[in-house]
Protein backbone atom coordinates (compact mmCIF):
# COMPACT_ATOMS: atom_id res chain seq x y z
CA UNK A 1 -48.91 41.53 17.17
CA UNK A 2 -47.60 39.67 14.15
CA UNK A 3 -44.15 40.55 12.71
CA UNK A 4 -45.59 42.25 9.62
CA UNK A 5 -47.91 44.30 11.84
CA UNK A 6 -44.93 45.42 13.92
CA UNK A 7 -43.03 46.41 10.80
CA UNK A 8 -46.01 48.37 9.50
CA UNK A 9 -46.46 50.13 12.85
CA UNK A 10 -42.79 51.09 12.94
CA UNK A 11 -42.82 52.46 9.41
CA UNK A 12 -46.04 54.39 9.93
CA UNK A 13 -44.72 55.97 13.14
CA UNK A 14 -41.45 56.99 11.51
CA UNK A 15 -43.19 58.42 8.46
CA UNK A 16 -45.50 60.47 10.68
CA UNK A 17 -42.58 61.72 12.76
CA UNK A 18 -40.70 62.86 9.66
CA UNK A 19 -43.82 64.52 8.26
CA UNK A 20 -44.40 66.29 11.57
CA UNK A 21 -40.85 67.66 11.57
CA UNK A 22 -40.72 68.71 7.92
CA UNK A 23 -44.23 68.73 6.45
CA UNK A 24 -43.14 70.87 3.48
CA UNK A 25 -39.42 70.17 3.41
CA UNK A 26 -36.47 71.57 5.35
CA UNK A 27 -36.45 75.29 4.61
CA UNK A 28 -33.00 75.84 6.14
CA UNK A 29 -31.30 72.94 4.41
CA UNK A 30 -32.83 73.64 1.04
CA UNK A 31 -31.99 77.36 1.22
CA UNK A 32 -28.43 77.16 2.51
CA UNK A 33 -26.99 73.70 1.87
CA UNK A 34 -25.80 72.94 -1.69
CA UNK A 35 -27.72 70.13 -3.32
CA UNK A 36 -24.50 68.19 -3.96
CA UNK A 37 -23.05 68.62 -0.43
CA UNK A 38 -22.14 65.41 1.40
CA UNK A 39 -22.07 64.93 5.18
CA UNK A 40 -20.30 62.46 7.43
CA UNK A 41 -21.53 62.35 11.02
CA UNK A 42 -20.42 60.46 14.14
CA UNK A 43 -23.23 59.43 16.45
CA UNK A 44 -21.49 59.36 19.83
CA UNK A 45 -22.58 58.46 23.35
CA UNK A 46 -21.67 61.37 25.61
CA UNK A 47 -22.42 59.30 28.70
CA UNK A 48 -22.31 55.61 29.56
CA UNK A 49 -25.35 53.50 28.85
CA UNK A 50 -26.81 50.58 26.93
CA UNK A 51 -27.25 50.95 23.19
CA UNK A 52 -30.68 50.52 21.62
CA UNK A 53 -32.20 51.78 18.38
CA UNK A 54 -29.47 51.46 15.77
CA UNK A 55 -31.92 49.76 13.43
CA UNK A 56 -34.36 52.63 13.97
CA UNK A 57 -31.60 55.11 13.16
CA UNK A 58 -31.07 53.30 9.85
CA UNK A 59 -34.82 53.13 9.13
CA UNK A 60 -35.27 56.87 9.58
CA UNK A 61 -32.55 57.77 7.11
CA UNK A 62 -33.68 55.11 4.63
CA UNK A 63 -37.09 56.79 4.58
CA UNK A 64 -35.55 60.24 4.10
CA UNK A 65 -33.15 59.16 1.33
CA UNK A 66 -31.92 55.63 0.55
CA UNK A 67 -28.60 57.17 -0.46
CA UNK A 68 -27.79 57.83 3.21
CA UNK A 69 -25.61 55.12 4.76
CA UNK A 70 -25.79 54.23 8.44
CA UNK A 71 -22.76 52.24 9.58
CA UNK A 72 -23.15 50.74 13.08
CA UNK A 73 -20.03 50.74 15.26
CA UNK A 74 -21.54 48.76 18.13
CA UNK A 75 -24.68 46.64 18.63
CA UNK A 76 -28.05 47.04 20.34
CA UNK A 77 -28.01 45.60 23.84
CA UNK A 78 -24.33 46.35 24.36
CA UNK A 79 -23.08 48.51 27.23
CA UNK A 80 -21.07 51.48 25.99
CA UNK A 81 -18.79 53.97 27.69
CA UNK A 82 -18.93 57.71 27.29
CA UNK A 83 -17.20 58.65 24.05
CA UNK A 84 -18.18 55.47 22.20
CA UNK A 85 -19.14 55.99 18.56
CA UNK A 86 -22.42 54.17 18.09
CA UNK A 87 -22.69 54.67 14.35
CA UNK A 88 -21.55 56.78 11.43
CA UNK A 89 -23.99 58.41 9.06
CA UNK A 90 -22.86 59.34 5.55
CA UNK A 91 -24.72 60.74 2.60
CA UNK A 92 -26.34 63.77 0.99
CA UNK A 93 -26.10 66.59 3.50
CA UNK A 94 -29.66 67.79 3.04
CA UNK A 95 -31.04 64.31 3.79
CA UNK A 96 -28.77 63.82 6.80
CA UNK A 97 -29.89 67.14 8.26
CA UNK A 98 -33.55 66.44 7.59
CA UNK A 99 -33.49 63.11 9.41
CA UNK A 100 -31.19 64.14 12.24
CA UNK A 101 -33.69 65.25 14.87
CA UNK A 102 -36.19 62.42 14.45
CA UNK A 103 -33.44 59.80 14.42
CA UNK A 104 -31.65 61.28 17.42
CA UNK A 105 -34.82 61.75 19.49
CA UNK A 106 -35.73 58.08 19.09
CA UNK A 107 -32.18 56.82 19.62
CA UNK A 108 -31.74 58.87 22.80
CA UNK A 109 -35.04 57.62 24.22
CA UNK A 110 -34.40 53.99 23.34
CA UNK A 111 -30.90 54.05 24.80
CA UNK A 112 -32.29 55.61 27.97
CA UNK A 113 -34.93 52.90 28.33
CA UNK A 114 -32.40 50.14 27.67
CA UNK A 115 -30.01 51.67 30.21
CA UNK A 116 -32.72 52.02 32.86
CA UNK A 117 -33.93 48.47 32.24
CA UNK A 118 -30.42 47.04 32.51
CA UNK A 119 -29.96 48.75 35.87
CA UNK A 120 -33.19 47.22 37.21
CA UNK A 121 -32.26 43.78 35.90
CA UNK A 122 -28.86 44.04 37.56
CA UNK A 123 -30.47 45.07 40.87
CA UNK A 124 -32.64 41.93 40.75
CA UNK A 125 -29.62 39.73 40.06
CA UNK A 126 -27.61 41.44 42.81
CA UNK A 127 -30.39 40.48 45.23
CA UNK A 128 -29.93 36.83 44.27
CA UNK A 129 -33.34 36.65 42.60
CA UNK A 130 -34.33 35.52 39.12
CA UNK A 131 -37.63 37.36 38.69
CA UNK A 132 -38.40 38.77 35.28
CA UNK A 133 -38.29 42.56 34.97
CA UNK A 134 -41.08 43.67 32.65
CA UNK A 135 -42.41 46.88 31.19
CA UNK A 136 -46.02 48.10 31.38
CA UNK A 137 -48.40 49.96 29.07
CA UNK A 138 -47.04 53.26 30.46
CA UNK A 139 -45.27 54.04 27.21
CA UNK A 140 -45.16 57.22 25.14
CA UNK A 141 -48.28 57.22 22.92
CA UNK A 142 -47.34 56.05 19.45
CA UNK A 143 -43.88 54.84 20.49
CA UNK A 144 -44.77 51.56 22.19
CA UNK A 145 -43.14 49.37 19.54
CA UNK A 146 -39.83 51.20 20.07
CA UNK A 147 -40.14 51.40 23.86
CA UNK A 148 -40.74 47.65 24.07
CA UNK A 149 -37.74 46.90 21.86
CA UNK A 150 -35.55 49.05 24.10
CA UNK A 151 -36.71 47.13 27.19
CA UNK A 152 -35.65 43.88 25.52
CA UNK A 153 -32.31 45.39 24.53
CA UNK A 154 -31.79 46.25 28.21
CA UNK A 155 -32.32 42.63 29.24
CA UNK A 156 -35.94 43.02 30.36
CA UNK A 157 -39.14 41.40 29.13
CA UNK A 158 -42.36 42.73 27.68
CA UNK A 159 -45.74 42.62 29.39
CA UNK A 160 -48.86 42.46 27.21
CA UNK A 161 -48.57 44.85 24.30
CA UNK A 162 -52.06 46.25 24.67
CA UNK A 163 -55.64 45.66 25.66
CA UNK A 164 -56.19 43.16 22.84
CA UNK A 165 -53.52 40.71 23.98
CA UNK A 166 -54.60 39.38 27.37
CA UNK A 167 -57.11 39.80 30.17
CA UNK A 168 -56.06 41.94 33.12
CA UNK A 169 -58.79 42.67 35.68
CA UNK A 170 -58.07 45.62 37.95
CA UNK A 171 -60.04 47.59 40.56
CA UNK A 172 -61.87 49.71 37.99
CA UNK A 173 -63.01 46.54 36.24
CA UNK A 174 -64.37 45.15 39.50
CA UNK A 175 -66.34 48.36 40.03
CA UNK A 176 -67.68 48.30 36.46
CA UNK A 177 -68.78 44.68 36.99
CA UNK A 178 -70.74 45.65 40.11
CA UNK A 179 -68.44 43.65 42.39
CA UNK A 180 -66.67 46.58 44.07
CA UNK A 181 -67.39 50.09 45.25
CA UNK A 182 -66.08 53.25 43.62
CA UNK A 183 -62.66 53.02 45.24
CA UNK A 184 -62.16 49.43 44.11
CA UNK A 185 -62.89 47.70 47.41
CA UNK A 186 -64.59 44.39 46.71
CA UNK A 187 -68.15 44.24 48.00
CA UNK A 188 -68.94 40.82 46.54
CA UNK A 189 -68.46 37.61 48.51
CA UNK A 190 -65.53 35.30 47.81
CA UNK A 191 -67.89 32.85 46.11
CA UNK A 192 -69.24 35.61 43.84
CA UNK A 193 -65.72 36.72 42.87
CA UNK A 194 -64.68 33.17 42.03
CA UNK A 195 -67.86 32.58 40.04
CA UNK A 196 -67.42 35.80 38.06
CA UNK A 197 -63.84 34.92 37.15
CA UNK A 198 -64.77 31.39 36.13
CA UNK A 199 -67.56 32.73 33.94
CA UNK A 200 -65.08 34.99 32.16
CA UNK A 201 -62.70 32.11 31.52
CA UNK A 202 -65.54 29.97 30.15
CA UNK A 203 -66.27 32.60 27.50
CA UNK A 204 -62.66 33.07 26.37
CA UNK A 205 -60.48 30.92 24.11
CA UNK A 206 -58.14 28.69 26.07
CA UNK A 207 -55.17 30.57 24.62
CA UNK A 208 -56.04 33.85 26.35
CA UNK A 209 -53.95 34.57 29.45
CA UNK A 210 -55.91 35.85 32.46
CA UNK A 211 -54.27 38.10 35.05
CA UNK A 212 -56.02 39.59 38.07
CA UNK A 213 -54.78 42.41 40.27
CA UNK A 214 -55.31 42.29 44.03
CA UNK A 215 -54.34 44.84 46.65
CA UNK A 216 -54.86 42.81 49.83
CA UNK A 217 -53.96 39.32 50.95
CA UNK A 218 -57.57 38.37 51.64
CA UNK A 219 -58.43 38.89 47.97
CA UNK A 220 -56.07 36.13 46.86
CA UNK A 221 -58.04 32.95 47.79
CA UNK A 222 -61.17 33.62 45.67
CA UNK A 223 -59.04 34.70 42.73
CA UNK A 224 -56.79 31.68 43.07
CA UNK A 225 -59.79 29.38 43.26
CA UNK A 226 -60.90 30.56 39.82
CA UNK A 227 -57.75 29.14 38.21
CA UNK A 228 -56.34 32.38 36.78
CA UNK A 229 -52.91 32.40 35.20
CA UNK A 230 -51.25 35.35 36.97
CA UNK A 231 -52.05 37.22 40.16
CA UNK A 232 -50.66 40.74 40.44
CA UNK A 233 -49.88 41.89 43.98
CA UNK A 234 -50.24 45.64 43.75
CA UNK A 235 -48.45 47.92 46.20
CA UNK A 236 -47.90 45.13 48.73
CA UNK A 237 -45.40 45.48 51.56
CA UNK A 238 -42.43 43.11 51.49
CA UNK A 239 -43.95 41.05 54.28
CA UNK A 240 -47.24 40.75 52.42
CA UNK A 241 -45.45 39.88 49.18
CA UNK A 242 -43.74 36.97 50.94
CA UNK A 243 -47.07 35.90 52.44
CA UNK A 244 -48.78 36.18 49.05
CA UNK A 245 -46.14 34.06 47.33
CA UNK A 246 -46.53 31.40 50.02
CA UNK A 247 -50.32 31.49 49.80
CA UNK A 248 -50.34 31.13 46.01
CA UNK A 249 -47.82 28.30 46.28
CA UNK A 250 -46.93 28.05 42.61
CA UNK A 251 -50.54 27.64 41.45
CA UNK A 252 -50.31 30.88 39.45
CA UNK A 253 -47.56 33.24 38.38
CA UNK A 254 -47.02 36.03 40.89
CA UNK A 255 -46.37 39.56 39.67
CA UNK A 256 -45.38 42.45 41.93
CA UNK A 257 -46.21 45.95 40.79
CA UNK A 258 -46.76 49.47 42.05
CA UNK A 259 -44.21 52.16 42.81
CA UNK A 260 -41.20 49.97 42.00
CA UNK A 261 -37.90 51.86 41.97
CA UNK A 262 -34.28 50.95 41.40
CA UNK A 263 -33.79 50.97 45.16
CA UNK A 264 -36.75 48.72 45.96
CA UNK A 265 -36.76 46.23 43.07
CA UNK A 266 -34.08 43.98 44.59
CA UNK A 267 -35.88 43.42 47.90
CA UNK A 268 -39.19 43.00 46.03
CA UNK A 269 -37.73 40.35 43.72
CA UNK A 270 -36.14 38.57 46.69
CA UNK A 271 -39.61 37.84 48.15
CA UNK A 272 -39.98 35.08 45.56
CA UNK A 273 -42.29 36.73 43.02
CA UNK A 274 -41.97 35.59 39.41
CA UNK A 275 -42.33 38.98 37.75
CA UNK A 276 -41.74 42.60 38.71
CA UNK A 277 -43.40 45.12 36.39
CA UNK A 278 -41.92 48.60 36.35
CA UNK A 279 -43.68 51.56 34.74
CA UNK A 280 -40.60 53.73 35.28
CA UNK A 281 -38.72 51.81 32.59
CA UNK A 282 -40.65 53.78 30.00
CA UNK A 283 -42.84 56.50 31.52
CA UNK A 284 -40.25 58.90 32.90
CA UNK A 285 -36.80 58.13 31.52
CA UNK A 286 -34.31 60.90 30.83
CA UNK A 287 -32.92 60.79 27.30
CA UNK A 288 -29.36 59.52 27.09
CA UNK A 289 -26.99 62.27 25.95
CA UNK A 290 -25.92 61.36 22.42
CA UNK A 291 -24.05 63.61 20.00
CA UNK A 292 -24.64 63.91 16.26
CA UNK A 293 -21.53 65.72 15.10
CA UNK A 294 -20.01 66.30 11.70
CA UNK A 295 -16.54 64.82 11.13
CA UNK A 296 -14.04 65.30 8.33
CA UNK A 297 -14.95 63.38 5.18
């Protein structure tokens, strides 16, 4: 996705979120808060974590009312202790109150993703490995652009953004191609698998990255013979991961995936894989506890 497309996606998502929360204005604020009232708010981490989303915080309030100021007190990607003021928000009280929930929801989620990612990256480093920790497409619908940013702020890397960006053949694709049965078990011969993969590559531009998922060691040779770019070893045991890395021998990138947790990512990375993809970075994080509290002007 090009930079201007990312910017447009961000803006559209934020505008829709604000419209969802206040489609016809903020009844409470407009009824009870004087039009000339001014608010000053401290956005404070109530627990330790990694900051992410300060630019999103500013974008939300800029859309609500450009008169609202967002003053960062730390930076995205920085570890913060409980009690750290992440930013101050100042401006017309009605606008601050209208943007509060949308801004805080996104900030809490992004900080949670960055914090979770940083923990996984540290576990890989503690195991003496240098594998990349990447996200997956298991993001909240509509929030992928923010989820991916938070992963980067946590020291991780992004996988393909979506289905338009790269080829990834998985068990359901094999079945749809007539090369596997309903449960994804390959029924085609090794030669047929290799031929099918080569035919795909011949039809694609040379710039398109091709990744193929396998779930057993014996599936690796025909895939490797086709000259694919990345082979994903899905739900492999540690012993089989080591065997797979040795079998591939640097002729393709090796990605490990499937049920990766904070406890298992270190040993997985230590098998020698190049990449460990972790759906849990984005699909089930708990929002970081962040306060949005008025302070004296």
